[in-house]
Amino acid sequence: MQIKQGLEKEYADYQAINKDDPYSNRCVTYGEDWANLMEAAIASGSTVKECAEATSRAADTDGITGFMYGAAVSGLSKFWEHGDQLRAWHNREYVKDESKAAEMDKSGATVNPAILTIG
């Protein structure tokens, strides 16, 4: 997984903080697995938008929760080389209003799919 330049130490700290709790650790390792699968697809010519959904499912080998998925997106958005593209794709999956999604992109916010409600 390609970490954004200058965030290597912060990412190592993020890994260390989450390693002792199995649930938290799986949020991190799922994100890493997912990023590695996306990087392989990107190397073959895909964009993040084109490969994110399928690789997300492929990386989920043990039935992650919605919260774990959201935590992985948040971590990848911050630390992964292609994280900004992932956040933009992810937010548009949940926020259909383009102006609101663009506002979220600008602020760096990530939709948490675990707290969505159906109206």
PDB file of N, CA and C in Angstrom:
ATOM      1  N   MET A   1       0.848  -1.179   0.000  1.00  0.00           N
ATOM      2  CA  MET A   1       0.000   0.000   0.000  1.00  0.00           C
ATOM      3  C   MET A   1       0.888   1.235   0.000  1.00  0.00           C
ATOM      4  N   GLN A   2       0.625   2.111  -0.947  1.00  0.00           N
ATOM      5  CA  GLN A   2       1.412   3.345  -1.068  1.00  0.00           C
ATOM      6  C   GLN A   2       0.867   4.411  -0.108  1.00  0.00           C
ATOM      7  N   ILE A   3       1.693   4.783   0.862  1.00  0.00           N
ATOM      8  CA  ILE A   3       1.310   5.812   1.824  1.00  0.00           C
ATOM      9  C   ILE A   3       1.657   7.179   1.244  1.00  0.00           C
ATOM     10  N   LYS A   4       0.800   8.176   1.497  1.00  0.00           N
ATOM     11  CA  LYS A   4       1.082   9.533   1.050  1.00  0.00           C
ATOM     12  C   LYS A   4       2.417   9.989   1.633  1.00  0.00           C
ATOM     13  N   GLN A   5       3.191  10.639   0.803  1.00  0.00           N
ATOM     14  CA  GLN A   5       4.508  11.113   1.223  1.00  0.00           C
ATOM     15  C   GLN A   5       4.385  12.007   2.454  1.00  0.00           C
ATOM     16  N   GLY A   6       5.230  11.744   3.430  1.00  0.00           N
ATOM     17  CA  GLY A   6       5.250  12.534   4.652  1.00  0.00           C
ATOM     18  C   GLY A   6       4.353  12.005   5.756  1.00  0.00           C
ATOM     19  N   LEU A   7       3.514  11.008   5.441  1.00  0.00           N
ATOM     20  CA  LEU A   7       2.603  10.454   6.446  1.00  0.00           C
ATOM     21  C   LEU A   7       3.018   9.054   6.913  1.00  0.00           C
ATOM     22  N   GLU A   8       4.202   8.621   6.554  1.00  0.00           N
ATOM     23  CA  GLU A   8       4.645   7.262   6.892  1.00  0.00           C
ATOM     24  C   GLU A   8       4.680   7.034   8.411  1.00  0.00           C
ATOM     25  N   LYS A   9       5.221   7.967   9.151  1.00  0.00           N
ATOM     26  CA  LYS A   9       5.312   7.827  10.611  1.00  0.00           C
ATOM     27  C   LYS A   9       3.928   7.844  11.230  1.00  0.00           C
ATOM     28  N   GLU A  10       3.082   8.760  10.768  1.00  0.00           N
ATOM     29  CA  GLU A  10       1.722   8.837  11.298  1.00  0.00           C
ATOM     30  C   GLU A  10       0.946   7.554  10.996  1.00  0.00           C
ATOM     31  N   TYR A  11       1.187   6.967   9.812  1.00  0.00           N
ATOM     32  CA  TYR A  11       0.514   5.718   9.476  1.00  0.00           C
ATOM     33  C   TYR A  11       1.015   4.582  10.367  1.00  0.00           C
ATOM     34  N   ALA A  12       2.299   4.538  10.633  1.00  0.00           N
ATOM     35  CA  ALA A  12       2.855   3.514  11.526  1.00  0.00           C
ATOM     36  C   ALA A  12       2.236   3.646  12.927  1.00  0.00           C
ATOM     37  N   ASP A  13       2.045   4.865  13.382  1.00  0.00           N
ATOM     38  CA  ASP A  13       1.387   5.098  14.668  1.00  0.00           C
ATOM     39  C   ASP A  13      -0.061   4.615  14.635  1.00  0.00           C
ATOM     40  N   TYR A  14      -0.752   4.897  13.537  1.00  0.00           N
ATOM     41  CA  TYR A  14      -2.145   4.453  13.342  1.00  0.00           C
ATOM     42  C   TYR A  14      -2.223   2.926  13.419  1.00  0.00           C
ATOM     43  N   GLN A  15      -1.299   2.240  12.765  1.00  0.00           N
ATOM     44  CA  GLN A  15      -1.255   0.786  12.834  1.00  0.00           C
ATOM     45  C   GLN A  15      -1.020   0.322  14.275  1.00  0.00           C
ATOM     46  N   ALA A  16      -0.052   0.917  14.939  1.00  0.00           N
ATOM     47  CA  ALA A  16       0.315   0.511  16.293  1.00  0.00           C
ATOM     48  C   ALA A  16      -0.834   0.715  17.281  1.00  0.00           C
ATOM     49  N   ILE A  17      -1.518   1.837  17.176  1.00  0.00           N
ATOM     50  CA  ILE A  17      -2.632   2.137  18.086  1.00  0.00           C
ATOM     51  C   ILE A  17      -3.746   1.107  17.944  1.00  0.00           C
ATOM     52  N   ASN A  18      -3.942   0.597  16.746  1.00  0.00           N
ATOM     53  CA  ASN A  18      -5.066  -0.298  16.466  1.00  0.00           C
ATOM     54  C   ASN A  18      -4.723  -1.787  16.481  1.00  0.00           C
ATOM     55  N   LYS A  19      -3.482  -2.150  16.695  1.00  0.00           N
ATOM     56  CA  LYS A  19      -3.074  -3.551  16.536  1.00  0.00           C
ATOM     57  C   LYS A  19      -3.541  -4.486  17.636  1.00  0.00           C
ATOM     58  N   ASP A  20      -3.757  -3.990  18.844  1.00  0.00           N
ATOM     59  CA  ASP A  20      -4.068  -4.880  19.962  1.00  0.00           C
ATOM     60  C   ASP A  20      -5.534  -5.285  20.069  1.00  0.00           C
ATOM     61  N   ASP A  21      -6.407  -4.545  19.435  1.00  0.00           N
ATOM     62  CA  ASP A  21      -7.829  -4.868  19.449  1.00  0.00           C
ATOM     63  C   ASP A  21      -8.196  -5.507  18.117  1.00  0.00           C
ATOM     64  N   PRO A  22      -8.689  -6.744  18.120  1.00  0.00           N
ATOM     65  CA  PRO A  22      -8.968  -7.426  16.840  1.00  0.00           C
ATOM     66  C   PRO A  22      -9.920  -6.668  15.915  1.00  0.00           C
ATOM     67  N   TYR A  23     -10.945  -6.042  16.464  1.00  0.00           N
ATOM     68  CA  TYR A  23     -11.893  -5.306  15.634  1.00  0.00           C
ATOM     69  C   TYR A  23     -11.211  -4.107  14.987  1.00  0.00           C
ATOM     70  N   SER A  24     -10.513  -3.320  15.785  1.00  0.00           N
ATOM     71  CA  SER A  24      -9.802  -2.147  15.264  1.00  0.00           C
ATOM     72  C   SER A  24      -8.727  -2.554  14.272  1.00  0.00           C
ATOM     73  N   ASN A  25      -8.000  -3.608  14.603  1.00  0.00           N
ATOM     74  CA  ASN A  25      -6.938  -4.078  13.714  1.00  0.00           C
ATOM     75  C   ASN A  25      -7.501  -4.514  12.368  1.00  0.00           C
ATOM     76  N   ARG A  26      -8.679  -5.129  12.384  1.00  0.00           N
ATOM     77  CA  ARG A  26      -9.266  -5.562  11.110  1.00  0.00           C
ATOM     78  C   ARG A  26      -9.688  -4.369  10.267  1.00  0.00           C
ATOM     79  N   CYS A  27     -10.075  -3.268  10.889  1.00  0.00           N
ATOM     80  CA  CYS A  27     -10.362  -2.051  10.116  1.00  0.00           C
ATOM     81  C   CYS A  27      -9.121  -1.639   9.338  1.00  0.00           C
ATOM     82  N   VAL A  28      -7.969  -1.700   9.996  1.00  0.00           N
ATOM     83  CA  VAL A  28      -6.706  -1.309   9.362  1.00  0.00           C
ATOM     84  C   VAL A  28      -6.307  -2.327   8.297  1.00  0.00           C
ATOM     85  N   THR A  29      -6.334  -3.620   8.642  1.00  0.00           N
ATOM     86  CA  THR A  29      -5.863  -4.631   7.681  1.00  0.00           C
ATOM     87  C   THR A  29      -6.814  -4.778   6.498  1.00  0.00           C
ATOM     88  N   TYR A  30      -8.111  -4.595   6.734  1.00  0.00           N
ATOM     89  CA  TYR A  30      -9.047  -4.594   5.612  1.00  0.00           C
ATOM     90  C   TYR A  30      -8.711  -3.455   4.659  1.00  0.00           C
ATOM     91  N   GLY A  31      -8.451  -2.263   5.205  1.00  0.00           N
ATOM     92  CA  GLY A  31      -8.064  -1.122   4.372  1.00  0.00           C
ATOM     93  C   GLY A  31      -6.804  -1.414   3.575  1.00  0.00           C
ATOM     94  N   GLU A  32      -5.827  -2.016   4.205  1.00  0.00           N
ATOM     95  CA  GLU A  32      -4.582  -2.356   3.510  1.00  0.00           C
ATOM     96  C   GLU A  32      -4.838  -3.377   2.401  1.00  0.00           C
ATOM     97  N   ASP A  33      -5.625  -4.403   2.716  1.00  0.00           N
ATOM     98  CA  ASP A  33      -5.952  -5.418   1.708  1.00  0.00           C
ATOM     99  C   ASP A  33      -6.664  -4.779   0.521  1.00  0.00           C
ATOM    100  N   TRP A  34      -7.622  -3.931   0.824  1.00  0.00           N
ATOM    101  CA  TRP A  34      -8.404  -3.260  -0.208  1.00  0.00           C
ATOM    102  C   TRP A  34      -7.508  -2.361  -1.063  1.00  0.00           C
ATOM    103  N   ALA A  35      -6.649  -1.571  -0.411  1.00  0.00           N
ATOM    104  CA  ALA A  35      -5.743  -0.683  -1.153  1.00  0.00           C
ATOM    105  C   ALA A  35      -4.816  -1.483  -2.060  1.00  0.00           C
ATOM    106  N   ASN A  36      -4.307  -2.597  -1.562  1.00  0.00           N
ATOM    107  CA  ASN A  36      -3.418  -3.425  -2.385  1.00  0.00           C
ATOM    108  C   ASN A  36      -4.139  -3.956  -3.621  1.00  0.00           C
ATOM    109  N   LEU A  37      -5.394  -4.373  -3.452  1.00  0.00           N
ATOM    110  CA  LEU A  37      -6.166  -4.850  -4.604  1.00  0.00           C
ATOM    111  C   LEU A  37      -6.445  -3.709  -5.592  1.00  0.00           C
ATOM    112  N   MET A  38      -6.761  -2.530  -5.070  1.00  0.00           N
ATOM    113  CA  MET A  38      -6.990  -1.392  -5.957  1.00  0.00           C
ATOM    114  C   MET A  38      -5.708  -1.001  -6.682  1.00  0.00           C
ATOM    115  N   GLU A  39      -4.580  -1.024  -5.993  1.00  0.00           N
ATOM    116  CA  GLU A  39      -3.310  -0.677  -6.638  1.00  0.00           C
ATOM    117  C   GLU A  39      -3.005  -1.627  -7.794  1.00  0.00           C
ATOM    118  N   ALA A  40      -3.307  -2.904  -7.621  1.00  0.00           N
ATOM    119  CA  ALA A  40      -3.099  -3.869  -8.710  1.00  0.00           C
ATOM    120  C   ALA A  40      -4.008  -3.529  -9.891  1.00  0.00           C
ATOM    121  N   ALA A  41      -5.246  -3.181  -9.613  1.00  0.00           N
ATOM    122  CA  ALA A  41      -6.177  -2.818 -10.684  1.00  0.00           C
ATOM    123  C   ALA A  41      -5.753  -1.507 -11.356  1.00  0.00           C
ATOM    124  N   ILE A  42      -5.279  -0.553 -10.571  1.00  0.00           N
ATOM    125  CA  ILE A  42      -4.809   0.718 -11.121  1.00  0.00           C
ATOM    126  C   ILE A  42      -3.598   0.482 -12.021  1.00  0.00           C
ATOM    127  N   ALA A  43      -2.713  -0.393 -11.602  1.00  0.00           N
ATOM    128  CA  ALA A  43      -1.532  -0.715 -12.411  1.00  0.00           C
ATOM    129  C   ALA A  43      -1.921  -1.353 -13.746  1.00  0.00           C
ATOM    130  N   SER A  44      -3.105  -1.968 -13.782  1.00  0.00           N
ATOM    131  CA  SER A  44      -3.607  -2.583 -15.015  1.00  0.00           C
ATOM    132  C   SER A  44      -4.467  -1.627 -15.838  1.00  0.00           C
ATOM    133  N   GLY A  45      -4.581  -0.375 -15.392  1.00  0.00           N
ATOM    134  CA  GLY A  45      -5.283   0.624 -16.180  1.00  0.00           C
ATOM    135  C   GLY A  45      -6.616   1.096 -15.648  1.00  0.00           C
ATOM    136  N   SER A  46      -7.086   0.559 -14.534  1.00  0.00           N
ATOM    137  CA  SER A  46      -8.364   1.001 -13.962  1.00  0.00           C
ATOM    138  C   SER A  46      -8.180   2.280 -13.165  1.00  0.00           C
ATOM    139  N   THR A  47      -9.276   2.981 -12.951  1.00  0.00           N
ATOM    140  CA  THR A  47      -9.286   4.111 -12.033  1.00  0.00           C
ATOM    141  C   THR A  47      -9.811   3.618 -10.689  1.00  0.00           C
ATOM    142  N   VAL A  48      -9.630   4.418  -9.657  1.00  0.00           N
ATOM    143  CA  VAL A  48     -10.184   4.070  -8.350  1.00  0.00           C
ATOM    144  C   VAL A  48     -11.690   3.884  -8.469  1.00  0.00           C
ATOM    145  N   LYS A  49     -12.343   4.808  -9.157  1.00  0.00           N
ATOM    146  CA  LYS A  49     -13.798   4.732  -9.331  1.00  0.00           C
ATOM    147  C   LYS A  49     -14.215   3.422  -9.995  1.00  0.00           C
ATOM    148  N   GLU A  50     -13.433   2.973 -10.958  1.00  0.00           N
ATOM    149  CA  GLU A  50     -13.780   1.750 -11.693  1.00  0.00           C
ATOM    150  C   GLU A  50     -13.552   0.480 -10.879  1.00  0.00           C
ATOM    151  N   CYS A  51     -12.617   0.495  -9.951  1.00  0.00           N
ATOM    152  CA  CYS A  51     -12.272  -0.747  -9.261  1.00  0.00           C
ATOM    153  C   CYS A  51     -12.656  -0.792  -7.787  1.00  0.00           C
ATOM    154  N   ALA A  52     -13.067   0.324  -7.211  1.00  0.00           N
ATOM    155  CA  ALA A  52     -13.274   0.386  -5.762  1.00  0.00           C
ATOM    156  C   ALA A  52     -14.318  -0.608  -5.253  1.00  0.00           C
ATOM    157  N   GLU A  53     -15.451  -0.676  -5.889  1.00  0.00           N
ATOM    158  CA  GLU A  53     -16.520  -1.537  -5.373  1.00  0.00           C
ATOM    159  C   GLU A  53     -16.143  -3.017  -5.423  1.00  0.00           C
ATOM    160  N   ALA A  54     -15.679  -3.488  -6.565  1.00  0.00           N
ATOM    161  CA  ALA A  54     -15.332  -4.913  -6.696  1.00  0.00           C
ATOM    162  C   ALA A  54     -14.179  -5.304  -5.781  1.00  0.00           C
ATOM    163  N   THR A  55     -13.174  -4.444  -5.673  1.00  0.00           N
ATOM    164  CA  THR A  55     -12.035  -4.771  -4.818  1.00  0.00           C
ATOM    165  C   THR A  55     -12.415  -4.689  -3.342  1.00  0.00           C
ATOM    166  N   SER A  56     -13.356  -3.827  -3.016  1.00  0.00           N
ATOM    167  CA  SER A  56     -13.855  -3.756  -1.640  1.00  0.00           C
ATOM    168  C   SER A  56     -14.447  -5.094  -1.226  1.00  0.00           C
ATOM    169  N   ARG A  57     -15.230  -5.652  -2.097  1.00  0.00           N
ATOM    170  CA  ARG A  57     -15.856  -6.959  -1.809  1.00  0.00           C
ATOM    171  C   ARG A  57     -14.805  -8.069  -1.750  1.00  0.00           C
ATOM    172  N   ALA A  58     -13.846  -8.026  -2.652  1.00  0.00           N
ATOM    173  CA  ALA A  58     -12.803  -9.052  -2.672  1.00  0.00           C
ATOM    174  C   ALA A  58     -11.941  -9.006  -1.410  1.00  0.00           C
ATOM    175  N   ALA A  59     -11.711  -7.817  -0.881  1.00  0.00           N
ATOM    176  CA  ALA A  59     -10.896  -7.676   0.331  1.00  0.00           C
ATOM    177  C   ALA A  59     -11.642  -8.125   1.583  1.00  0.00           C
ATOM    178  N   ASP A  60     -12.965  -8.170   1.511  1.00  0.00           N
ATOM    179  CA  ASP A  60     -13.782  -8.561   2.666  1.00  0.00           C
ATOM    180  C   ASP A  60     -13.890 -10.078   2.718  1.00  0.00           C
ATOM    181  N   THR A  61     -12.923 -10.690   3.339  1.00  0.00           N
ATOM    182  CA  THR A  61     -12.877 -12.152   3.408  1.00  0.00           C
ATOM    183  C   THR A  61     -13.539 -12.713   4.658  1.00  0.00           C
ATOM    184  N   ASP A  62     -13.986 -11.831   5.556  1.00  0.00           N
ATOM    185  CA  ASP A  62     -14.506 -12.321   6.829  1.00  0.00           C
ATOM    186  C   ASP A  62     -15.761 -11.599   7.312  1.00  0.00           C
ATOM    187  N   GLY A  63     -16.420 -10.869   6.443  1.00  0.00           N
ATOM    188  CA  GLY A  63     -17.684 -10.234   6.802  1.00  0.00           C
ATOM    189  C   GLY A  63     -17.528  -9.006   7.670  1.00  0.00           C
ATOM    190  N   ILE A  64     -16.835  -7.999   7.158  1.00  0.00           N
ATOM    191  CA  ILE A  64     -16.666  -6.760   7.915  1.00  0.00           C
ATOM    192  C   ILE A  64     -18.008  -6.073   8.126  1.00  0.00           C
ATOM    193  N   THR A  65     -18.071  -5.204   9.113  1.00  0.00           N
ATOM    194  CA  THR A  65     -19.290  -4.446   9.387  1.00  0.00           C
ATOM    195  C   THR A  65     -19.285  -3.143   8.590  1.00  0.00           C
ATOM    196  N   GLY A  66     -20.419  -2.464   8.595  1.00  0.00           N
ATOM    197  CA  GLY A  66     -20.493  -1.154   7.954  1.00  0.00           C
ATOM    198  C   GLY A  66     -19.563  -0.153   8.605  1.00  0.00           C
ATOM    199  N   PHE A  67     -19.438  -0.242   9.923  1.00  0.00           N
ATOM    200  CA  PHE A  67     -18.515   0.650  10.617  1.00  0.00           C
ATOM    201  C   PHE A  67     -17.079   0.380  10.184  1.00  0.00           C
ATOM    202  N   MET A  68     -16.707  -0.898  10.073  1.00  0.00           N
ATOM    203  CA  MET A  68     -15.337  -1.251   9.656  1.00  0.00           C
ATOM    204  C   MET A  68     -15.055  -0.707   8.255  1.00  0.00           C
ATOM    205  N   TYR A  69     -16.033  -0.846   7.364  1.00  0.00           N
ATOM    206  CA  TYR A  69     -15.880  -0.315   6.010  1.00  0.00           C
ATOM    207  C   TYR A  69     -15.645   1.189   6.054  1.00  0.00           C
ATOM    208  N   GLY A  70     -16.485   1.897   6.816  1.00  0.00           N
ATOM    209  CA  GLY A  70     -16.344   3.342   6.933  1.00  0.00           C
ATOM    210  C   GLY A  70     -15.010   3.750   7.541  1.00  0.00           C
ATOM    211  N   ALA A  71     -14.554   3.000   8.554  1.00  0.00           N
ATOM    212  CA  ALA A  71     -13.261   3.290   9.172  1.00  0.00           C
ATOM    213  C   ALA A  71     -12.130   3.073   8.172  1.00  0.00           C
ATOM    214  N   ALA A  72     -12.248   2.035   7.362  1.00  0.00           N
ATOM    215  CA  ALA A  72     -11.223   1.777   6.344  1.00  0.00           C
ATOM    216  C   ALA A  72     -11.193   2.900   5.315  1.00  0.00           C
ATOM    217  N   VAL A  73     -12.355   3.339   4.862  1.00  0.00           N
ATOM    218  CA  VAL A  73     -12.404   4.447   3.899  1.00  0.00           C
ATOM    219  C   VAL A  73     -11.783   5.701   4.515  1.00  0.00           C
ATOM    220  N   SER A  74     -12.106   5.961   5.758  1.00  0.00           N
ATOM    221  CA  SER A  74     -11.560   7.141   6.423  1.00  0.00           C
ATOM    222  C   SER A  74     -10.037   7.058   6.527  1.00  0.00           C
ATOM    223  N   GLY A  75      -9.527   5.904   6.960  1.00  0.00           N
ATOM    224  CA  GLY A  75      -8.079   5.729   7.057  1.00  0.00           C
ATOM    225  C   GLY A  75      -7.391   5.815   5.712  1.00  0.00           C
ATOM    226  N   LEU A  76      -7.953   5.158   4.717  1.00  0.00           N
ATOM    227  CA  LEU A  76      -7.358   5.211   3.377  1.00  0.00           C
ATOM    228  C   LEU A  76      -7.411   6.625   2.816  1.00  0.00           C
ATOM    229  N   SER A  77      -8.503   7.327   3.068  1.00  0.00           N
ATOM    230  CA  SER A  77      -8.622   8.698   2.572  1.00  0.00           C
ATOM    231  C   SER A  77      -7.489   9.567   3.112  1.00  0.00           C
ATOM    232  N   LYS A  78      -7.143   9.347   4.345  1.00  0.00           N
ATOM    233  CA  LYS A  78      -6.090  10.152   4.960  1.00  0.00           C
ATOM    234  C   LYS A  78      -4.686   9.709   4.552  1.00  0.00           C
ATOM    235  N   PHE A  79      -4.433   8.405   4.517  1.00  0.00           N
ATOM    236  CA  PHE A  79      -3.065   7.906   4.404  1.00  0.00           C
ATOM    237  C   PHE A  79      -2.665   7.362   3.029  1.00  0.00           C
ATOM    238  N   TRP A  80      -3.604   6.881   2.252  1.00  0.00           N
ATOM    239  CA  TRP A  80      -3.272   6.187   1.008  1.00  0.00           C
ATOM    240  C   TRP A  80      -3.024   7.183  -0.126  1.00  0.00           C
ATOM    241  N   GLU A  81      -2.089   6.860  -0.974  1.00  0.00           N
ATOM    242  CA  GLU A  81      -1.718   7.723  -2.104  1.00  0.00           C
ATOM    243  C   GLU A  81      -2.930   8.114  -2.964  1.00  0.00           C
ATOM    244  N   HIS A  82      -3.873   7.221  -3.113  1.00  0.00           N
ATOM    245  CA  HIS A  82      -5.068   7.483  -3.929  1.00  0.00           C
ATOM    246  C   HIS A  82      -6.299   7.762  -3.060  1.00  0.00           C
ATOM    247  N   GLY A  83      -6.069   8.107  -1.799  1.00  0.00           N
ATOM    248  CA  GLY A  83      -7.156   8.276  -0.847  1.00  0.00           C
ATOM    249  C   GLY A  83      -8.155   9.361  -1.185  1.00  0.00           C
ATOM    250  N   ASP A  84      -7.692  10.449  -1.768  1.00  0.00           N
ATOM    251  CA  ASP A  84      -8.622  11.525  -2.129  1.00  0.00           C
ATOM    252  C   ASP A  84      -9.598  11.064  -3.207  1.00  0.00           C
ATOM    253  N   GLN A  85      -9.107  10.278  -4.149  1.00  0.00           N
ATOM    254  CA  GLN A  85      -9.983   9.735  -5.194  1.00  0.00           C
ATOM    255  C   GLN A  85     -10.978   8.739  -4.600  1.00  0.00           C
ATOM    256  N   LEU A  86     -10.507   7.929  -3.646  1.00  0.00           N
ATOM    257  CA  LEU A  86     -11.393   6.966  -2.994  1.00  0.00           C
ATOM    258  C   LEU A  86     -12.485   7.691  -2.219  1.00  0.00           C
ATOM    259  N   ARG A  87     -12.114   8.718  -1.461  1.00  0.00           N
ATOM    260  CA  ARG A  87     -13.105   9.477  -0.692  1.00  0.00           C
ATOM    261  C   ARG A  87     -14.154  10.091  -1.630  1.00  0.00           C
ATOM    262  N   ALA A  88     -13.713  10.660  -2.746  1.00  0.00           N
ATOM    263  CA  ALA A  88     -14.651  11.263  -3.693  1.00  0.00           C
ATOM    264  C   ALA A  88     -15.619  10.216  -4.236  1.00  0.00           C
ATOM    265  N   TRP A  89     -15.112   9.043  -4.607  1.00  0.00           N
ATOM    266  CA  TRP A  89     -15.976   7.966  -5.103  1.00  0.00           C
ATOM    267  C   TRP A  89     -16.957   7.541  -4.012  1.00  0.00           C
ATOM    268  N   HIS A  90     -16.422   7.280  -2.831  1.00  0.00           N
ATOM    269  CA  HIS A  90     -17.232   6.800  -1.708  1.00  0.00           C
ATOM    270  C   HIS A  90     -18.347   7.782  -1.361  1.00  0.00           C
ATOM    271  N   ASN A  91     -18.005   9.056  -1.230  1.00  0.00           N
ATOM    272  CA  ASN A  91     -19.013  10.048  -0.860  1.00  0.00           C
ATOM    273  C   ASN A  91     -20.131  10.130  -1.893  1.00  0.00           C
ATOM    274  N   ARG A  92     -19.795   9.983  -3.162  1.00  0.00           N
ATOM    275  CA  ARG A  92     -20.816  10.042  -4.203  1.00  0.00           C
ATOM    276  C   ARG A  92     -21.689   8.790  -4.239  1.00  0.00           C
ATOM    277  N   GLU A  93     -21.232   7.731  -3.640  1.00  0.00           N
ATOM    278  CA  GLU A  93     -22.075   6.538  -3.512  1.00  0.00           C
ATOM    279  C   GLU A  93     -23.213   6.789  -2.520  1.00  0.00           C
ATOM    280  N   TYR A  94     -22.996   7.698  -1.578  1.00  0.00           N
ATOM    281  CA  TYR A  94     -23.978   7.956  -0.523  1.00  0.00           C
ATOM    282  C   TYR A  94     -24.629   9.331  -0.610  1.00  0.00           C
ATOM    283  N   VAL A  95     -23.934  10.302  -1.170  1.00  0.00           N
ATOM    284  CA  VAL A  95     -24.455  11.670  -1.284  1.00  0.00           C
ATOM    285  C   VAL A  95     -24.688  11.939  -2.765  1.00  0.00           C
ATOM    286  N   LYS A  96     -25.938  11.927  -3.164  1.00  0.00           N
ATOM    287  CA  LYS A  96     -26.263  12.067  -4.578  1.00  0.00           C
ATOM    288  C   LYS A  96     -26.301  13.523  -5.036  1.00  0.00           C
ATOM    289  N   ASP A  97     -26.392  14.455  -4.094  1.00  0.00           N
ATOM    290  CA  ASP A  97     -26.376  15.875  -4.423  1.00  0.00           C
ATOM    291  C   ASP A  97     -24.923  16.275  -4.689  1.00  0.00           C
ATOM    292  N   GLU A  98     -24.604  16.577  -5.943  1.00  0.00           N
ATOM    293  CA  GLU A  98     -23.219  16.854  -6.344  1.00  0.00           C
ATOM    294  C   GLU A  98     -22.614  18.023  -5.584  1.00  0.00           C
ATOM    295  N   SER A  99     -23.390  19.073  -5.321  1.00  0.00           N
ATOM    296  CA  SER A  99     -22.825  20.217  -4.607  1.00  0.00           C
ATOM    297  C   SER A  99     -22.463  19.840  -3.173  1.00  0.00           C
ATOM    298  N   LYS A 100     -23.274  19.017  -2.524  1.00  0.00           N
ATOM    299  CA  LYS A 100     -22.958  18.566  -1.166  1.00  0.00           C
ATOM    300  C   LYS A 100     -21.748  17.635  -1.177  1.00  0.00           C
ATOM    301  N   ALA A 101     -21.683  16.761  -2.168  1.00  0.00           N
ATOM    302  CA  ALA A 101     -20.531  15.854  -2.274  1.00  0.00           C
ATOM    303  C   ALA A 101     -19.246  16.643  -2.518  1.00  0.00           C
ATOM    304  N   ALA A 102     -19.319  17.655  -3.361  1.00  0.00           N
ATOM    305  CA  ALA A 102     -18.151  18.494  -3.640  1.00  0.00           C
ATOM    306  C   ALA A 102     -17.728  19.248  -2.387  1.00  0.00           C
ATOM    307  N   GLU A 103     -18.692  19.692  -1.610  1.00  0.00           N
ATOM    308  CA  GLU A 103     -18.391  20.382  -0.351  1.00  0.00           C
ATOM    309  C   GLU A 103     -17.676  19.436   0.615  1.00  0.00           C
ATOM    310  N   MET A 104     -18.137  18.196   0.650  1.00  0.00           N
ATOM    311  CA  MET A 104     -17.472  17.203   1.501  1.00  0.00           C
ATOM    312  C   MET A 104     -16.039  16.963   1.028  1.00  0.00           C
ATOM    313  N   ASP A 105     -15.857  16.861  -0.278  1.00  0.00           N
ATOM    314  CA  ASP A 105     -14.509  16.672  -0.832  1.00  0.00           C
ATOM    315  C   ASP A 105     -13.588  17.797  -0.389  1.00  0.00           C
ATOM    316  N   LYS A 106     -14.095  19.004  -0.496  1.00  0.00           N
ATOM    317  CA  LYS A 106     -13.301  20.184  -0.154  1.00  0.00           C
ATOM    318  C   LYS A 106     -12.905  20.182   1.320  1.00  0.00           C
ATOM    319  N   SER A 107     -13.813  19.713   2.177  1.00  0.00           N
ATOM    320  CA  SER A 107     -13.554  19.711   3.622  1.00  0.00           C
ATOM    321  C   SER A 107     -12.753  18.489   4.070  1.00  0.00           C
ATOM    322  N   GLY A 108     -12.672  17.470   3.208  1.00  0.00           N
ATOM    323  CA  GLY A 108     -11.984  16.240   3.588  1.00  0.00           C
ATOM    324  C   GLY A 108     -12.862  15.278   4.369  1.00  0.00           C
ATOM    325  N   ALA A 109     -14.159  15.546   4.452  1.00  0.00           N
ATOM    326  CA  ALA A 109     -15.084  14.697   5.202  1.00  0.00           C
ATOM    327  C   ALA A 109     -15.384  13.404   4.436  1.00  0.00           C
ATOM    328  N   THR A 110     -15.660  12.369   5.192  1.00  0.00           N
ATOM    329  CA  THR A 110     -16.007  11.068   4.618  1.00  0.00           C
ATOM    330  C   THR A 110     -17.333  10.610   5.197  1.00  0.00           C
ATOM    331  N   VAL A 111     -18.273  10.219   4.343  1.00  0.00           N
ATOM    332  CA  VAL A 111     -19.564   9.695   4.791  1.00  0.00           C
ATOM    333  C   VAL A 111     -19.320   8.418   5.585  1.00  0.00           C
ATOM    334  N   ASN A 112     -19.984   8.309   6.737  1.00  0.00           N
ATOM    335  CA  ASN A 112     -19.929   7.088   7.530  1.00  0.00           C
ATOM    336  C   ASN A 112     -21.170   6.270   7.205  1.00  0.00           C
ATOM    337  N   PRO A 113     -21.049   5.184   6.438  1.00  0.00           N
ATOM    338  CA  PRO A 113     -22.228   4.419   6.033  1.00  0.00           C
ATOM    339  C   PRO A 113     -22.895   3.678   7.192  1.00  0.00           C
ATOM    340  N   ALA A 114     -22.224   3.562   8.327  1.00  0.00           N
ATOM    341  CA  ALA A 114     -22.805   2.850   9.474  1.00  0.00           C
ATOM    342  C   ALA A 114     -23.869   3.667  10.188  1.00  0.00           C
ATOM    343  N   ILE A 115     -23.978   4.957   9.907  1.00  0.00           N
ATOM    344  CA  ILE A 115     -24.968   5.776  10.609  1.00  0.00           C
ATOM    345  C   ILE A 115     -26.076   6.271   9.702  1.00  0.00           C
ATOM    346  N   LEU A 116     -26.132   5.778   8.489  1.00  0.00           N
ATOM    347  CA  LEU A 116     -27.195   6.189   7.572  1.00  0.00           C
ATOM    348  C   LEU A 116     -28.530   5.589   7.996  1.00  0.00           C
ATOM    349  N   THR A 117     -29.587   6.322   7.795  1.00  0.00           N
ATOM    350  CA  THR A 117     -30.918   5.807   8.065  1.00  0.00           C
ATOM    351  C   THR A 117     -31.748   5.929   6.807  1.00  0.00           C
ATOM    352  N   ILE A 118     -32.695   5.036   6.662  1.00  0.00           N
ATOM    353  CA  ILE A 118     -33.591   5.044   5.519  1.00  0.00           C
ATOM    354  C   ILE A 118     -34.852   5.802   5.938  1.00  0.00           C
ATOM    355  N   GLY A 119     -35.210   6.840   5.170  1.00  0.00           N
ATOM    356  CA  GLY A 119     -36.368   7.660   5.524  1.00  0.00           C
ATOM    357  C   GLY A 119     -37.594   7.242   4.807  1.00  0.00           C
TER     358      GLY A 119
END
